[in-house]
Protein backbone atom coordinates (compact mmCIF):
# COMPACT_ATOMS: atom_id res chain seq x y z
CA MET A 1 11.52 -15.07 13.85
CA ARG A 2 8.29 -14.15 13.89
CA ASN A 3 8.05 -14.30 17.87
CA ILE A 4 11.14 -11.97 18.10
CA LEU A 5 9.43 -9.21 15.62
CA ASP A 6 6.03 -9.54 17.29
CA PHE A 7 7.51 -9.13 20.93
CA PRO A 8 7.16 -5.31 21.59
CA ASN A 9 3.44 -5.67 20.21
CA SER A 10 2.86 -8.64 22.43
CA PHE A 11 4.32 -7.43 25.69
CA TYR A 12 4.17 -3.49 25.45
CA PRO A 13 4.52 -1.83 28.15
CA GLN A 14 5.17 -4.79 30.35
CA ALA A 15 8.61 -5.57 29.10
CA ASP A 16 11.49 -3.28 28.09
CA ILE A 17 13.38 -3.77 25.00
CA ILE A 18 17.08 -3.60 25.78
CA ALA A 19 19.36 -3.51 22.53
CA LEU A 20 22.78 -5.22 23.10
CA ASP A 21 24.74 -2.69 21.00
CA ARG A 22 28.17 -3.69 21.72
CA ASN A 23 30.03 -7.00 21.27
CA TYR A 24 33.19 -7.27 22.83
CA ARG A 25 33.87 -11.00 22.03
CA SER A 26 33.82 -10.65 18.31
CA ALA A 27 36.48 -9.31 15.68
CA SER A 28 35.57 -6.16 13.91
CA LEU A 29 35.80 -8.47 10.39
CA VAL A 30 33.19 -10.91 11.97
CA LEU A 31 30.92 -8.02 13.08
CA GLY A 32 30.98 -6.17 9.73
CA ALA A 33 29.98 -9.49 8.15
CA ALA A 34 27.02 -10.20 10.43
CA ASN A 35 25.99 -6.56 10.22
CA ALA A 36 26.21 -6.66 6.23
CA SER A 37 23.80 -9.72 5.98
CA ILE A 38 21.53 -8.45 8.78
CA GLY A 39 21.31 -5.14 6.54
CA LEU A 40 19.67 -7.20 3.81
CA ALA A 41 16.96 -8.68 6.05
CA LYS A 42 13.66 -7.39 4.79
CA GLU A 43 12.00 -7.50 8.41
CA ARG A 44 14.40 -6.84 11.44
CA PHE A 45 15.00 -4.46 14.49
CA THR A 46 17.00 -1.51 13.82
CA LYS A 47 20.09 -1.03 16.05
CA ASN A 48 22.27 2.01 16.94
CA ALA A 49 25.79 1.73 15.79
CA ALA A 50 28.27 1.14 18.55
CA THR A 51 30.49 3.86 19.55
């Protein structure tokens, strides 16, 4: 987990971070549950809501 959270500081500006905001394979119920549990994490990357 720490290597993911520290990635921007370790490789900036050599690497770009591309957020995968859309998931075309999961049902909305599964995505809602996953987003709810991710929202409880103390340390995480924020993401934009899919439109």
